[in-house]
Amino acid sequence: DKVLALPVYLPVAAWWLGGPAGWAL
């Protein structure tokens, strides 16, 4: 559960990311 927090919460950074960097998530 602790490790799974990484892929679950990381994509929230897409709020600030655009273009290819955002689509990587």
PDBML (XML) file of the C-alpha atoms, coordinates in Angstrom:
<?xml version="1.0" encoding="UTF-8" ?>
<PDBx:datablock datablockName="MODEL"
   xmlns:PDBx="http://pdbml.pdb.org/schema/pdbx-v50.xsd"
   xmlns:xsi="http://www.w3.org/2001/XMLSchema-instance"
   xsi:schemaLocation="http://pdbml.pdb.org/schema/pdbx-v50.xsd pdbx-v50.xsd">
   <PDBx:atom_siteCategory>
      <PDBx:atom_site id="1">
         <PDBx:B_iso_or_equiv>0.00</PDBx:B_iso_or_equiv>
         <PDBx:Cartn_x>0.000</PDBx:Cartn_x>
         <PDBx:Cartn_y>0.000</PDBx:Cartn_y>
         <PDBx:Cartn_z>0.000</PDBx:Cartn_z>
         <PDBx:auth_asym_id>A</PDBx:auth_asym_id>
         <PDBx:auth_atom_id>CA</PDBx:auth_atom_id>
         <PDBx:auth_comp_id>ASP</PDBx:auth_comp_id>
         <PDBx:auth_seq_id>1</PDBx:auth_seq_id>
         <PDBx:group_PDB>ATOM</PDBx:group_PDB>
         <PDBx:label_alt_id xsi:nil="true" />
         <PDBx:label_asym_id>A</PDBx:label_asym_id>
         <PDBx:label_atom_id>CA</PDBx:label_atom_id>
         <PDBx:label_comp_id>ASP</PDBx:label_comp_id>
         <PDBx:label_entity_id>1</PDBx:label_entity_id>
         <PDBx:label_seq_id>1</PDBx:label_seq_id>
         <PDBx:occupancy>1.00</PDBx:occupancy>
         <PDBx:pdbx_PDB_model_num>1</PDBx:pdbx_PDB_model_num>
         <PDBx:type_symbol>C</PDBx:type_symbol>
      </PDBx:atom_site>
      <PDBx:atom_site id="2">
         <PDBx:B_iso_or_equiv>0.00</PDBx:B_iso_or_equiv>
         <PDBx:Cartn_x>2.842</PDBx:Cartn_x>
         <PDBx:Cartn_y>2.380</PDBx:Cartn_y>
         <PDBx:Cartn_z>0.766</PDBx:Cartn_z>
         <PDBx:auth_asym_id>A</PDBx:auth_asym_id>
         <PDBx:auth_atom_id>CA</PDBx:auth_atom_id>
         <PDBx:auth_comp_id>LYS</PDBx:auth_comp_id>
         <PDBx:auth_seq_id>2</PDBx:auth_seq_id>
         <PDBx:group_PDB>ATOM</PDBx:group_PDB>
         <PDBx:label_alt_id xsi:nil="true" />
         <PDBx:label_asym_id>A</PDBx:label_asym_id>
         <PDBx:label_atom_id>CA</PDBx:label_atom_id>
         <PDBx:label_comp_id>LYS</PDBx:label_comp_id>
         <PDBx:label_entity_id>1</PDBx:label_entity_id>
         <PDBx:label_seq_id>2</PDBx:label_seq_id>
         <PDBx:occupancy>1.00</PDBx:occupancy>
         <PDBx:pdbx_PDB_model_num>1</PDBx:pdbx_PDB_model_num>
         <PDBx:type_symbol>C</PDBx:type_symbol>
      </PDBx:atom_site>
      <PDBx:atom_site id="3">
         <PDBx:B_iso_or_equiv>0.00</PDBx:B_iso_or_equiv>
         <PDBx:Cartn_x>4.594</PDBx:Cartn_x>
         <PDBx:Cartn_y>1.615</PDBx:Cartn_y>
         <PDBx:Cartn_z>-2.515</PDBx:Cartn_z>
         <PDBx:auth_asym_id>A</PDBx:auth_asym_id>
         <PDBx:auth_atom_id>CA</PDBx:auth_atom_id>
         <PDBx:auth_comp_id>VAL</PDBx:auth_comp_id>
         <PDBx:auth_seq_id>3</PDBx:auth_seq_id>
         <PDBx:group_PDB>ATOM</PDBx:group_PDB>
         <PDBx:label_alt_id xsi:nil="true" />
         <PDBx:label_asym_id>A</PDBx:label_asym_id>
         <PDBx:label_atom_id>CA</PDBx:label_atom_id>
         <PDBx:label_comp_id>VAL</PDBx:label_comp_id>
         <PDBx:label_entity_id>1</PDBx:label_entity_id>
         <PDBx:label_seq_id>3</PDBx:label_seq_id>
         <PDBx:occupancy>1.00</PDBx:occupancy>
         <PDBx:pdbx_PDB_model_num>1</PDBx:pdbx_PDB_model_num>
         <PDBx:type_symbol>C</PDBx:type_symbol>
      </PDBx:atom_site>
      <PDBx:atom_site id="4">
         <PDBx:B_iso_or_equiv>0.00</PDBx:B_iso_or_equiv>
         <PDBx:Cartn_x>1.369</PDBx:Cartn_x>
         <PDBx:Cartn_y>1.862</PDBx:Cartn_y>
         <PDBx:Cartn_z>-4.518</PDBx:Cartn_z>
         <PDBx:auth_asym_id>A</PDBx:auth_asym_id>
         <PDBx:auth_atom_id>CA</PDBx:auth_atom_id>
         <PDBx:auth_comp_id>LEU</PDBx:auth_comp_id>
         <PDBx:auth_seq_id>4</PDBx:auth_seq_id>
         <PDBx:group_PDB>ATOM</PDBx:group_PDB>
         <PDBx:label_alt_id xsi:nil="true" />
         <PDBx:label_asym_id>A</PDBx:label_asym_id>
         <PDBx:label_atom_id>CA</PDBx:label_atom_id>
         <PDBx:label_comp_id>LEU</PDBx:label_comp_id>
         <PDBx:label_entity_id>1</PDBx:label_entity_id>
         <PDBx:label_seq_id>4</PDBx:label_seq_id>
         <PDBx:occupancy>1.00</PDBx:occupancy>
         <PDBx:pdbx_PDB_model_num>1</PDBx:pdbx_PDB_model_num>
         <PDBx:type_symbol>C</PDBx:type_symbol>
      </PDBx:atom_site>
      <PDBx:atom_site id="5">
         <PDBx:B_iso_or_equiv>0.00</PDBx:B_iso_or_equiv>
         <PDBx:Cartn_x>0.958</PDBx:Cartn_x>
         <PDBx:Cartn_y>5.426</PDBx:Cartn_y>
         <PDBx:Cartn_z>-3.287</PDBx:Cartn_z>
         <PDBx:auth_asym_id>A</PDBx:auth_asym_id>
         <PDBx:auth_atom_id>CA</PDBx:auth_atom_id>
         <PDBx:auth_comp_id>ALA</PDBx:auth_comp_id>
         <PDBx:auth_seq_id>5</PDBx:auth_seq_id>
         <PDBx:group_PDB>ATOM</PDBx:group_PDB>
         <PDBx:label_alt_id xsi:nil="true" />
         <PDBx:label_asym_id>A</PDBx:label_asym_id>
         <PDBx:label_atom_id>CA</PDBx:label_atom_id>
         <PDBx:label_comp_id>ALA</PDBx:label_comp_id>
         <PDBx:label_entity_id>1</PDBx:label_entity_id>
         <PDBx:label_seq_id>5</PDBx:label_seq_id>
         <PDBx:occupancy>1.00</PDBx:occupancy>
         <PDBx:pdbx_PDB_model_num>1</PDBx:pdbx_PDB_model_num>
         <PDBx:type_symbol>C</PDBx:type_symbol>
      </PDBx:atom_site>
      <PDBx:atom_site id="6">
         <PDBx:B_iso_or_equiv>0.00</PDBx:B_iso_or_equiv>
         <PDBx:Cartn_x>3.616</PDBx:Cartn_x>
         <PDBx:Cartn_y>6.388</PDBx:Cartn_y>
         <PDBx:Cartn_z>-5.844</PDBx:Cartn_z>
         <PDBx:auth_asym_id>A</PDBx:auth_asym_id>
         <PDBx:auth_atom_id>CA</PDBx:auth_atom_id>
         <PDBx:auth_comp_id>LEU</PDBx:auth_comp_id>
         <PDBx:auth_seq_id>6</PDBx:auth_seq_id>
         <PDBx:group_PDB>ATOM</PDBx:group_PDB>
         <PDBx:label_alt_id xsi:nil="true" />
         <PDBx:label_asym_id>A</PDBx:label_asym_id>
         <PDBx:label_atom_id>CA</PDBx:label_atom_id>
         <PDBx:label_comp_id>LEU</PDBx:label_comp_id>
         <PDBx:label_entity_id>1</PDBx:label_entity_id>
         <PDBx:label_seq_id>6</PDBx:label_seq_id>
         <PDBx:occupancy>1.00</PDBx:occupancy>
         <PDBx:pdbx_PDB_model_num>1</PDBx:pdbx_PDB_model_num>
         <PDBx:type_symbol>C</PDBx:type_symbol>
      </PDBx:atom_site>
      <PDBx:atom_site id="7">
         <PDBx:B_iso_or_equiv>0.00</PDBx:B_iso_or_equiv>
         <PDBx:Cartn_x>1.693</PDBx:Cartn_x>
         <PDBx:Cartn_y>5.635</PDBx:Cartn_y>
         <PDBx:Cartn_z>-9.066</PDBx:Cartn_z>
         <PDBx:auth_asym_id>A</PDBx:auth_asym_id>
         <PDBx:auth_atom_id>CA</PDBx:auth_atom_id>
         <PDBx:auth_comp_id>PRO</PDBx:auth_comp_id>
         <PDBx:auth_seq_id>7</PDBx:auth_seq_id>
         <PDBx:group_PDB>ATOM</PDBx:group_PDB>
         <PDBx:label_alt_id xsi:nil="true" />
         <PDBx:label_asym_id>A</PDBx:label_asym_id>
         <PDBx:label_atom_id>CA</PDBx:label_atom_id>
         <PDBx:label_comp_id>PRO</PDBx:label_comp_id>
         <PDBx:label_entity_id>1</PDBx:label_entity_id>
         <PDBx:label_seq_id>7</PDBx:label_seq_id>
         <PDBx:occupancy>1.00</PDBx:occupancy>
         <PDBx:pdbx_PDB_model_num>1</PDBx:pdbx_PDB_model_num>
         <PDBx:type_symbol>C</PDBx:type_symbol>
      </PDBx:atom_site>
      <PDBx:atom_site id="8">
         <PDBx:B_iso_or_equiv>0.00</PDBx:B_iso_or_equiv>
         <PDBx:Cartn_x>-1.618</PDBx:Cartn_x>
         <PDBx:Cartn_y>6.635</PDBx:Cartn_y>
         <PDBx:Cartn_z>-7.488</PDBx:Cartn_z>
         <PDBx:auth_asym_id>A</PDBx:auth_asym_id>
         <PDBx:auth_atom_id>CA</PDBx:auth_atom_id>
         <PDBx:auth_comp_id>VAL</PDBx:auth_comp_id>
         <PDBx:auth_seq_id>8</PDBx:auth_seq_id>
         <PDBx:group_PDB>ATOM</PDBx:group_PDB>
         <PDBx:label_alt_id xsi:nil="true" />
         <PDBx:label_asym_id>A</PDBx:label_asym_id>
         <PDBx:label_atom_id>CA</PDBx:label_atom_id>
         <PDBx:label_comp_id>VAL</PDBx:label_comp_id>
         <PDBx:label_entity_id>1</PDBx:label_entity_id>
         <PDBx:label_seq_id>8</PDBx:label_seq_id>
         <PDBx:occupancy>1.00</PDBx:occupancy>
         <PDBx:pdbx_PDB_model_num>1</PDBx:pdbx_PDB_model_num>
         <PDBx:type_symbol>C</PDBx:type_symbol>
      </PDBx:atom_site>
      <PDBx:atom_site id="9">
         <PDBx:B_iso_or_equiv>0.00</PDBx:B_iso_or_equiv>
         <PDBx:Cartn_x>-0.670</PDBx:Cartn_x>
         <PDBx:Cartn_y>10.135</PDBx:Cartn_y>
         <PDBx:Cartn_z>-6.314</PDBx:Cartn_z>
         <PDBx:auth_asym_id>A</PDBx:auth_asym_id>
         <PDBx:auth_atom_id>CA</PDBx:auth_atom_id>
         <PDBx:auth_comp_id>TYR</PDBx:auth_comp_id>
         <PDBx:auth_seq_id>9</PDBx:auth_seq_id>
         <PDBx:group_PDB>ATOM</PDBx:group_PDB>
         <PDBx:label_alt_id xsi:nil="true" />
         <PDBx:label_asym_id>A</PDBx:label_asym_id>
         <PDBx:label_atom_id>CA</PDBx:label_atom_id>
         <PDBx:label_comp_id>TYR</PDBx:label_comp_id>
         <PDBx:label_entity_id>1</PDBx:label_entity_id>
         <PDBx:label_seq_id>9</PDBx:label_seq_id>
         <PDBx:occupancy>1.00</PDBx:occupancy>
         <PDBx:pdbx_PDB_model_num>1</PDBx:pdbx_PDB_model_num>
         <PDBx:type_symbol>C</PDBx:type_symbol>
      </PDBx:atom_site>
      <PDBx:atom_site id="10">
         <PDBx:B_iso_or_equiv>0.00</PDBx:B_iso_or_equiv>
         <PDBx:Cartn_x>2.124</PDBx:Cartn_x>
         <PDBx:Cartn_y>11.010</PDBx:Cartn_y>
         <PDBx:Cartn_z>-8.772</PDBx:Cartn_z>
         <PDBx:auth_asym_id>A</PDBx:auth_asym_id>
         <PDBx:auth_atom_id>CA</PDBx:auth_atom_id>
         <PDBx:auth_comp_id>LEU</PDBx:auth_comp_id>
         <PDBx:auth_seq_id>10</PDBx:auth_seq_id>
         <PDBx:group_PDB>ATOM</PDBx:group_PDB>
         <PDBx:label_alt_id xsi:nil="true" />
         <PDBx:label_asym_id>A</PDBx:label_asym_id>
         <PDBx:label_atom_id>CA</PDBx:label_atom_id>
         <PDBx:label_comp_id>LEU</PDBx:label_comp_id>
         <PDBx:label_entity_id>1</PDBx:label_entity_id>
         <PDBx:label_seq_id>10</PDBx:label_seq_id>
         <PDBx:occupancy>1.00</PDBx:occupancy>
         <PDBx:pdbx_PDB_model_num>1</PDBx:pdbx_PDB_model_num>
         <PDBx:type_symbol>C</PDBx:type_symbol>
      </PDBx:atom_site>
      <PDBx:atom_site id="11">
         <PDBx:B_iso_or_equiv>0.00</PDBx:B_iso_or_equiv>
         <PDBx:Cartn_x>-0.170</PDBx:Cartn_x>
         <PDBx:Cartn_y>11.831</PDBx:Cartn_y>
         <PDBx:Cartn_z>-11.747</PDBx:Cartn_z>
         <PDBx:auth_asym_id>A</PDBx:auth_asym_id>
         <PDBx:auth_atom_id>CA</PDBx:auth_atom_id>
         <PDBx:auth_comp_id>PRO</PDBx:auth_comp_id>
         <PDBx:auth_seq_id>11</PDBx:auth_seq_id>
         <PDBx:group_PDB>ATOM</PDBx:group_PDB>
         <PDBx:label_alt_id xsi:nil="true" />
         <PDBx:label_asym_id>A</PDBx:label_asym_id>
         <PDBx:label_atom_id>CA</PDBx:label_atom_id>
         <PDBx:label_comp_id>PRO</PDBx:label_comp_id>
         <PDBx:label_entity_id>1</PDBx:label_entity_id>
         <PDBx:label_seq_id>11</PDBx:label_seq_id>
         <PDBx:occupancy>1.00</PDBx:occupancy>
         <PDBx:pdbx_PDB_model_num>1</PDBx:pdbx_PDB_model_num>
         <PDBx:type_symbol>C</PDBx:type_symbol>
      </PDBx:atom_site>
      <PDBx:atom_site id="12">
         <PDBx:B_iso_or_equiv>0.00</PDBx:B_iso_or_equiv>
         <PDBx:Cartn_x>-1.676</PDBx:Cartn_x>
         <PDBx:Cartn_y>14.749</PDBx:Cartn_y>
         <PDBx:Cartn_z>-9.817</PDBx:Cartn_z>
         <PDBx:auth_asym_id>A</PDBx:auth_asym_id>
         <PDBx:auth_atom_id>CA</PDBx:auth_atom_id>
         <PDBx:auth_comp_id>VAL</PDBx:auth_comp_id>
         <PDBx:auth_seq_id>12</PDBx:auth_seq_id>
         <PDBx:group_PDB>ATOM</PDBx:group_PDB>
         <PDBx:label_alt_id xsi:nil="true" />
         <PDBx:label_asym_id>A</PDBx:label_asym_id>
         <PDBx:label_atom_id>CA</PDBx:label_atom_id>
         <PDBx:label_comp_id>VAL</PDBx:label_comp_id>
         <PDBx:label_entity_id>1</PDBx:label_entity_id>
         <PDBx:label_seq_id>12</PDBx:label_seq_id>
         <PDBx:occupancy>1.00</PDBx:occupancy>
         <PDBx:pdbx_PDB_model_num>1</PDBx:pdbx_PDB_model_num>
         <PDBx:type_symbol>C</PDBx:type_symbol>
      </PDBx:atom_site>
      <PDBx:atom_site id="13">
         <PDBx:B_iso_or_equiv>0.00</PDBx:B_iso_or_equiv>
         <PDBx:Cartn_x>1.453</PDBx:Cartn_x>
         <PDBx:Cartn_y>16.582</PDBx:Cartn_y>
         <PDBx:Cartn_z>-10.969</PDBx:Cartn_z>
         <PDBx:auth_asym_id>A</PDBx:auth_asym_id>
         <PDBx:auth_atom_id>CA</PDBx:auth_atom_id>
         <PDBx:auth_comp_id>ALA</PDBx:auth_comp_id>
         <PDBx:auth_seq_id>13</PDBx:auth_seq_id>
         <PDBx:group_PDB>ATOM</PDBx:group_PDB>
         <PDBx:label_alt_id xsi:nil="true" />
         <PDBx:label_asym_id>A</PDBx:label_asym_id>
         <PDBx:label_atom_id>CA</PDBx:label_atom_id>
         <PDBx:label_comp_id>ALA</PDBx:label_comp_id>
         <PDBx:label_entity_id>1</PDBx:label_entity_id>
         <PDBx:label_seq_id>13</PDBx:label_seq_id>
         <PDBx:occupancy>1.00</PDBx:occupancy>
         <PDBx:pdbx_PDB_model_num>1</PDBx:pdbx_PDB_model_num>
         <PDBx:type_symbol>C</PDBx:type_symbol>
      </PDBx:atom_site>
      <PDBx:atom_site id="14">
         <PDBx:B_iso_or_equiv>0.00</PDBx:B_iso_or_equiv>
         <PDBx:Cartn_x>-0.157</PDBx:Cartn_x>
         <PDBx:Cartn_y>16.589</PDBx:Cartn_y>
         <PDBx:Cartn_z>-14.427</PDBx:Cartn_z>
         <PDBx:auth_asym_id>A</PDBx:auth_asym_id>
         <PDBx:auth_atom_id>CA</PDBx:auth_atom_id>
         <PDBx:auth_comp_id>ALA</PDBx:auth_comp_id>
         <PDBx:auth_seq_id>14</PDBx:auth_seq_id>
         <PDBx:group_PDB>ATOM</PDBx:group_PDB>
         <PDBx:label_alt_id xsi:nil="true" />
         <PDBx:label_asym_id>A</PDBx:label_asym_id>
         <PDBx:label_atom_id>CA</PDBx:label_atom_id>
         <PDBx:label_comp_id>ALA</PDBx:label_comp_id>
         <PDBx:label_entity_id>1</PDBx:label_entity_id>
         <PDBx:label_seq_id>14</PDBx:label_seq_id>
         <PDBx:occupancy>1.00</PDBx:occupancy>
         <PDBx:pdbx_PDB_model_num>1</PDBx:pdbx_PDB_model_num>
         <PDBx:type_symbol>C</PDBx:type_symbol>
      </PDBx:atom_site>
      <PDBx:atom_site id="15">
         <PDBx:B_iso_or_equiv>0.00</PDBx:B_iso_or_equiv>
         <PDBx:Cartn_x>-2.095</PDBx:Cartn_x>
         <PDBx:Cartn_y>19.631</PDBx:Cartn_y>
         <PDBx:Cartn_z>-13.217</PDBx:Cartn_z>
         <PDBx:auth_asym_id>A</PDBx:auth_asym_id>
         <PDBx:auth_atom_id>CA</PDBx:auth_atom_id>
         <PDBx:auth_comp_id>TRP</PDBx:auth_comp_id>
         <PDBx:auth_seq_id>15</PDBx:auth_seq_id>
         <PDBx:group_PDB>ATOM</PDBx:group_PDB>
         <PDBx:label_alt_id xsi:nil="true" />
         <PDBx:label_asym_id>A</PDBx:label_asym_id>
         <PDBx:label_atom_id>CA</PDBx:label_atom_id>
         <PDBx:label_comp_id>TRP</PDBx:label_comp_id>
         <PDBx:label_entity_id>1</PDBx:label_entity_id>
         <PDBx:label_seq_id>15</PDBx:label_seq_id>
         <PDBx:occupancy>1.00</PDBx:occupancy>
         <PDBx:pdbx_PDB_model_num>1</PDBx:pdbx_PDB_model_num>
         <PDBx:type_symbol>C</PDBx:type_symbol>
      </PDBx:atom_site>
      <PDBx:atom_site id="16">
         <PDBx:B_iso_or_equiv>0.00</PDBx:B_iso_or_equiv>
         <PDBx:Cartn_x>1.080</PDBx:Cartn_x>
         <PDBx:Cartn_y>21.661</PDBx:Cartn_y>
         <PDBx:Cartn_z>-13.852</PDBx:Cartn_z>
         <PDBx:auth_asym_id>A</PDBx:auth_asym_id>
         <PDBx:auth_atom_id>CA</PDBx:auth_atom_id>
         <PDBx:auth_comp_id>TRP</PDBx:auth_comp_id>
         <PDBx:auth_seq_id>16</PDBx:auth_seq_id>
         <PDBx:group_PDB>ATOM</PDBx:group_PDB>
         <PDBx:label_alt_id xsi:nil="true" />
         <PDBx:label_asym_id>A</PDBx:label_asym_id>
         <PDBx:label_atom_id>CA</PDBx:label_atom_id>
         <PDBx:label_comp_id>TRP</PDBx:label_comp_id>
         <PDBx:label_entity_id>1</PDBx:label_entity_id>
         <PDBx:label_seq_id>16</PDBx:label_seq_id>
         <PDBx:occupancy>1.00</PDBx:occupancy>
         <PDBx:pdbx_PDB_model_num>1</PDBx:pdbx_PDB_model_num>
         <PDBx:type_symbol>C</PDBx:type_symbol>
      </PDBx:atom_site>
      <PDBx:atom_site id="17">
         <PDBx:B_iso_or_equiv>0.00</PDBx:B_iso_or_equiv>
         <PDBx:Cartn_x>2.504</PDBx:Cartn_x>
         <PDBx:Cartn_y>19.598</PDBx:Cartn_y>
         <PDBx:Cartn_z>-16.698</PDBx:Cartn_z>
         <PDBx:auth_asym_id>A</PDBx:auth_asym_id>
         <PDBx:auth_atom_id>CA</PDBx:auth_atom_id>
         <PDBx:auth_comp_id>LEU</PDBx:auth_comp_id>
         <PDBx:auth_seq_id>17</PDBx:auth_seq_id>
         <PDBx:group_PDB>ATOM</PDBx:group_PDB>
         <PDBx:label_alt_id xsi:nil="true" />
         <PDBx:label_asym_id>A</PDBx:label_asym_id>
         <PDBx:label_atom_id>CA</PDBx:label_atom_id>
         <PDBx:label_comp_id>LEU</PDBx:label_comp_id>
         <PDBx:label_entity_id>1</PDBx:label_entity_id>
         <PDBx:label_seq_id>17</PDBx:label_seq_id>
         <PDBx:occupancy>1.00</PDBx:occupancy>
         <PDBx:pdbx_PDB_model_num>1</PDBx:pdbx_PDB_model_num>
         <PDBx:type_symbol>C</PDBx:type_symbol>
      </PDBx:atom_site>
      <PDBx:atom_site id="18">
         <PDBx:B_iso_or_equiv>0.00</PDBx:B_iso_or_equiv>
         <PDBx:Cartn_x>1.582</PDBx:Cartn_x>
         <PDBx:Cartn_y>19.953</PDBx:Cartn_y>
         <PDBx:Cartn_z>-20.336</PDBx:Cartn_z>
         <PDBx:auth_asym_id>A</PDBx:auth_asym_id>
         <PDBx:auth_atom_id>CA</PDBx:auth_atom_id>
         <PDBx:auth_comp_id>GLY</PDBx:auth_comp_id>
         <PDBx:auth_seq_id>18</PDBx:auth_seq_id>
         <PDBx:group_PDB>ATOM</PDBx:group_PDB>
         <PDBx:label_alt_id xsi:nil="true" />
         <PDBx:label_asym_id>A</PDBx:label_asym_id>
         <PDBx:label_atom_id>CA</PDBx:label_atom_id>
         <PDBx:label_comp_id>GLY</PDBx:label_comp_id>
         <PDBx:label_entity_id>1</PDBx:label_entity_id>
         <PDBx:label_seq_id>18</PDBx:label_seq_id>
         <PDBx:occupancy>1.00</PDBx:occupancy>
         <PDBx:pdbx_PDB_model_num>1</PDBx:pdbx_PDB_model_num>
         <PDBx:type_symbol>C</PDBx:type_symbol>
      </PDBx:atom_site>
      <PDBx:atom_site id="19">
         <PDBx:B_iso_or_equiv>0.00</PDBx:B_iso_or_equiv>
         <PDBx:Cartn_x>2.710</PDBx:Cartn_x>
         <PDBx:Cartn_y>18.490</PDBx:Cartn_y>
         <PDBx:Cartn_z>-23.638</PDBx:Cartn_z>
         <PDBx:auth_asym_id>A</PDBx:auth_asym_id>
         <PDBx:auth_atom_id>CA</PDBx:auth_atom_id>
         <PDBx:auth_comp_id>GLY</PDBx:auth_comp_id>
         <PDBx:auth_seq_id>19</PDBx:auth_seq_id>
         <PDBx:group_PDB>ATOM</PDBx:group_PDB>
         <PDBx:label_alt_id xsi:nil="true" />
         <PDBx:label_asym_id>A</PDBx:label_asym_id>
         <PDBx:label_atom_id>CA</PDBx:label_atom_id>
         <PDBx:label_comp_id>GLY</PDBx:label_comp_id>
         <PDBx:label_entity_id>1</PDBx:label_entity_id>
         <PDBx:label_seq_id>19</PDBx:label_seq_id>
         <PDBx:occupancy>1.00</PDBx:occupancy>
         <PDBx:pdbx_PDB_model_num>1</PDBx:pdbx_PDB_model_num>
         <PDBx:type_symbol>C</PDBx:type_symbol>
      </PDBx:atom_site>
      <PDBx:atom_site id="20">
         <PDBx:B_iso_or_equiv>0.00</PDBx:B_iso_or_equiv>
         <PDBx:Cartn_x>4.775</PDBx:Cartn_x>
         <PDBx:Cartn_y>15.292</PDBx:Cartn_y>
         <PDBx:Cartn_z>-23.762</PDBx:Cartn_z>
         <PDBx:auth_asym_id>A</PDBx:auth_asym_id>
         <PDBx:auth_atom_id>CA</PDBx:auth_atom_id>
         <PDBx:auth_comp_id>PRO</PDBx:auth_comp_id>
         <PDBx:auth_seq_id>20</PDBx:auth_seq_id>
         <PDBx:group_PDB>ATOM</PDBx:group_PDB>
         <PDBx:label_alt_id xsi:nil="true" />
         <PDBx:label_asym_id>A</PDBx:label_asym_id>
         <PDBx:label_atom_id>CA</PDBx:label_atom_id>
         <PDBx:label_comp_id>PRO</PDBx:label_comp_id>
         <PDBx:label_entity_id>1</PDBx:label_entity_id>
         <PDBx:label_seq_id>20</PDBx:label_seq_id>
         <PDBx:occupancy>1.00</PDBx:occupancy>
         <PDBx:pdbx_PDB_model_num>1</PDBx:pdbx_PDB_model_num>
         <PDBx:type_symbol>C</PDBx:type_symbol>
      </PDBx:atom_site>
      <PDBx:atom_site id="21">
         <PDBx:B_iso_or_equiv>0.00</PDBx:B_iso_or_equiv>
         <PDBx:Cartn_x>5.737</PDBx:Cartn_x>
         <PDBx:Cartn_y>15.519</PDBx:Cartn_y>
         <PDBx:Cartn_z>-20.077</PDBx:Cartn_z>
         <PDBx:auth_asym_id>A</PDBx:auth_asym_id>
         <PDBx:auth_atom_id>CA</PDBx:auth_atom_id>
         <PDBx:auth_comp_id>ALA</PDBx:auth_comp_id>
         <PDBx:auth_seq_id>21</PDBx:auth_seq_id>
         <PDBx:group_PDB>ATOM</PDBx:group_PDB>
         <PDBx:label_alt_id xsi:nil="true" />
         <PDBx:label_asym_id>A</PDBx:label_asym_id>
         <PDBx:label_atom_id>CA</PDBx:label_atom_id>
         <PDBx:label_comp_id>ALA</PDBx:label_comp_id>
         <PDBx:label_entity_id>1</PDBx:label_entity_id>
         <PDBx:label_seq_id>21</PDBx:label_seq_id>
         <PDBx:occupancy>1.00</PDBx:occupancy>
         <PDBx:pdbx_PDB_model_num>1</PDBx:pdbx_PDB_model_num>
         <PDBx:type_symbol>C</PDBx:type_symbol>
      </PDBx:atom_site>
      <PDBx:atom_site id="22">
         <PDBx:B_iso_or_equiv>0.00</PDBx:B_iso_or_equiv>
         <PDBx:Cartn_x>2.076</PDBx:Cartn_x>
         <PDBx:Cartn_y>15.380</PDBx:Cartn_y>
         <PDBx:Cartn_z>-19.081</PDBx:Cartn_z>
         <PDBx:auth_asym_id>A</PDBx:auth_asym_id>
         <PDBx:auth_atom_id>CA</PDBx:auth_atom_id>
         <PDBx:auth_comp_id>GLY</PDBx:auth_comp_id>
         <PDBx:auth_seq_id>22</PDBx:auth_seq_id>
         <PDBx:group_PDB>ATOM</PDBx:group_PDB>
         <PDBx:label_alt_id xsi:nil="true" />
         <PDBx:label_asym_id>A</PDBx:label_asym_id>
         <PDBx:label_atom_id>CA</PDBx:label_atom_id>
         <PDBx:label_comp_id>GLY</PDBx:label_comp_id>
         <PDBx:label_entity_id>1</PDBx:label_entity_id>
         <PDBx:label_seq_id>22</PDBx:label_seq_id>
         <PDBx:occupancy>1.00</PDBx:occupancy>
         <PDBx:pdbx_PDB_model_num>1</PDBx:pdbx_PDB_model_num>
         <PDBx:type_symbol>C</PDBx:type_symbol>
      </PDBx:atom_site>
      <PDBx:atom_site id="23">
         <PDBx:B_iso_or_equiv>0.00</PDBx:B_iso_or_equiv>
         <PDBx:Cartn_x>1.171</PDBx:Cartn_x>
         <PDBx:Cartn_y>12.588</PDBx:Cartn_y>
         <PDBx:Cartn_z>-21.479</PDBx:Cartn_z>
         <PDBx:auth_asym_id>A</PDBx:auth_asym_id>
         <PDBx:auth_atom_id>CA</PDBx:auth_atom_id>
         <PDBx:auth_comp_id>TRP</PDBx:auth_comp_id>
         <PDBx:auth_seq_id>23</PDBx:auth_seq_id>
         <PDBx:group_PDB>ATOM</PDBx:group_PDB>
         <PDBx:label_alt_id xsi:nil="true" />
         <PDBx:label_asym_id>A</PDBx:label_asym_id>
         <PDBx:label_atom_id>CA</PDBx:label_atom_id>
         <PDBx:label_comp_id>TRP</PDBx:label_comp_id>
         <PDBx:label_entity_id>1</PDBx:label_entity_id>
         <PDBx:label_seq_id>23</PDBx:label_seq_id>
         <PDBx:occupancy>1.00</PDBx:occupancy>
         <PDBx:pdbx_PDB_model_num>1</PDBx:pdbx_PDB_model_num>
         <PDBx:type_symbol>C</PDBx:type_symbol>
      </PDBx:atom_site>
      <PDBx:atom_site id="24">
         <PDBx:B_iso_or_equiv>0.00</PDBx:B_iso_or_equiv>
         <PDBx:Cartn_x>3.912</PDBx:Cartn_x>
         <PDBx:Cartn_y>10.430</PDBx:Cartn_y>
         <PDBx:Cartn_z>-19.974</PDBx:Cartn_z>
         <PDBx:auth_asym_id>A</PDBx:auth_asym_id>
         <PDBx:auth_atom_id>CA</PDBx:auth_atom_id>
         <PDBx:auth_comp_id>ALA</PDBx:auth_comp_id>
         <PDBx:auth_seq_id>24</PDBx:auth_seq_id>
         <PDBx:group_PDB>ATOM</PDBx:group_PDB>
         <PDBx:label_alt_id xsi:nil="true" />
         <PDBx:label_asym_id>A</PDBx:label_asym_id>
         <PDBx:label_atom_id>CA</PDBx:label_atom_id>
         <PDBx:label_comp_id>ALA</PDBx:label_comp_id>
         <PDBx:label_entity_id>1</PDBx:label_entity_id>
         <PDBx:label_seq_id>24</PDBx:label_seq_id>
         <PDBx:occupancy>1.00</PDBx:occupancy>
         <PDBx:pdbx_PDB_model_num>1</PDBx:pdbx_PDB_model_num>
         <PDBx:type_symbol>C</PDBx:type_symbol>
      </PDBx:atom_site>
      <PDBx:atom_site id="25">
         <PDBx:B_iso_or_equiv>0.00</PDBx:B_iso_or_equiv>
         <PDBx:Cartn_x>1.560</PDBx:Cartn_x>
         <PDBx:Cartn_y>9.947</PDBx:Cartn_y>
         <PDBx:Cartn_z>-17.006</PDBx:Cartn_z>
         <PDBx:auth_asym_id>A</PDBx:auth_asym_id>
         <PDBx:auth_atom_id>CA</PDBx:auth_atom_id>
         <PDBx:auth_comp_id>LEU</PDBx:auth_comp_id>
         <PDBx:auth_seq_id>25</PDBx:auth_seq_id>
         <PDBx:group_PDB>ATOM</PDBx:group_PDB>
         <PDBx:label_alt_id xsi:nil="true" />
         <PDBx:label_asym_id>A</PDBx:label_asym_id>
         <PDBx:label_atom_id>CA</PDBx:label_atom_id>
         <PDBx:label_comp_id>LEU</PDBx:label_comp_id>
         <PDBx:label_entity_id>1</PDBx:label_entity_id>
         <PDBx:label_seq_id>25</PDBx:label_seq_id>
         <PDBx:occupancy>1.00</PDBx:occupancy>
         <PDBx:pdbx_PDB_model_num>1</PDBx:pdbx_PDB_model_num>
         <PDBx:type_symbol>C</PDBx:type_symbol>
      </PDBx:atom_site>
   </PDBx:atom_siteCategory>
</PDBx:datablock>
